[in-house]
């Protein structure tokens, strides 16, 4: 009688263990970040700008054109096999500065202030994440053979 009860408890425990493991794996897949297409990323970014800076429809269209031009320039730069990595990096910085100037040119004074605040907040969040991840990197064991 006791052995029968122990067998049932063991089978029940094993089933519970396996189901919890399966649910944990499912949760990991659900948490995986969805990869957006470039068009989806641009739409999301435009919505963020429009919401955070109260852009008019005309400003939104100008921003969209600026971003499309910037994406094409960056893609051409990435595909340029004649440039060294450092040269590409410098040109990318110049392109980003150019885009920044074009974006601020379409904003009014109030929006420029909001934009500066928004950028500072984003930079702070980025720095916090970088610090958080750097701390984790130091705790990982090195892989064998490296």
Foldseek 3Di string as FASTA:
>chain_A
DVVVVVVVVVVVVVVVVVVVVVVVVVVVVVPDDDDDDPVVVLVVVLVVLCVQLVDDPVLSVQLSVLVVVLVVVLVVLVPDPVDDPVVSVVVNVVSVVVSVVSNVVSHDPSSNVSVVVVVVVVVVVVVVVVVVVVVVVVVDDDDPPD
